Amino acid sequence: MRRAAKPPVAKSAAKPRRRVARAPAPKPYHHGDLRRVLIDAALQLVGEGGAEAVSVREAARRAGVSPGAPFRHFPSRDALIQAVAEEAQRRFRAEIEAALAAAPAGDPLGRFRCLGLAYLRWAMRNPTHFEIISSRRIFDHDQAAAISGDNTELIALTEQMLAEAFAAGQLRSADLKQVQIAGRALVYGFARMNIDGHFPRWGVAGPEAERTAEAILDLFIEGIAKRP
């Protein structure tokens, strides 16, 4: 008796080979404006801990780049500090120019008040940045022509406003030079007192410092203005 033939066994379909996905080639690091980002990082460091807190390595870390990347733009820490000072000076000048744009054109003493108030407010709101641009111990001002030139222009602008006030008969003092020196000493000295921590001794703290700055500036102007 014949055995029934077994049905043919179906061959299993061959499994397709799994393709191993290759990892994409790493893209070279590209920063849109690394110099700008490093300066901003250094400005932040200055705001947190003063000029002593700035290092090229830490600025690089905050910018998200390798420690060696910044040296294409800043070969040394001094170069980075100088760039920070230039940016701080630019912001300082912009604050003063914005205040003067809104000041009365035909009132030199009023314009001096606007300039002095903008100067004091910026210096008090940005004490560590003001210290960088005003202190000669942090970087070599003689090697920073842009900062020195801009600072000279600001001093000349202050002197010019007081000279115009003198010519317009707004001052009661006959010695213009003394008034100019006193005006410079007032704004610079008050800003330095804030940086050096003198105000608590006089019972001035926090937001009261700006109100005190305005009151003292008005007191100075009242003292030099010709009385009607």
Foldseek 3Di string as FASTA:
>chain_A
DDDDDDPDDDDDDDDDDDDDDDDDDDDDDDDPCLLVQLLVLQLVQCQVPANVSDDLQSSCVVSVHHSPVCCVPPVGSLSSLLVNLLVLLVVLVVQLVVQLVPFDPVQLLRNLLSNLLSLQVSLLVRVRSVCSLPDCVSHHVVVNCSSVVSVVVSLVSSLVSLVVCVVVQFFPDPDSVVLSVVSVCLSVVLSVCSNVVPVVVVVADDPSSSVVSSVVSVVSSVVGTDDD
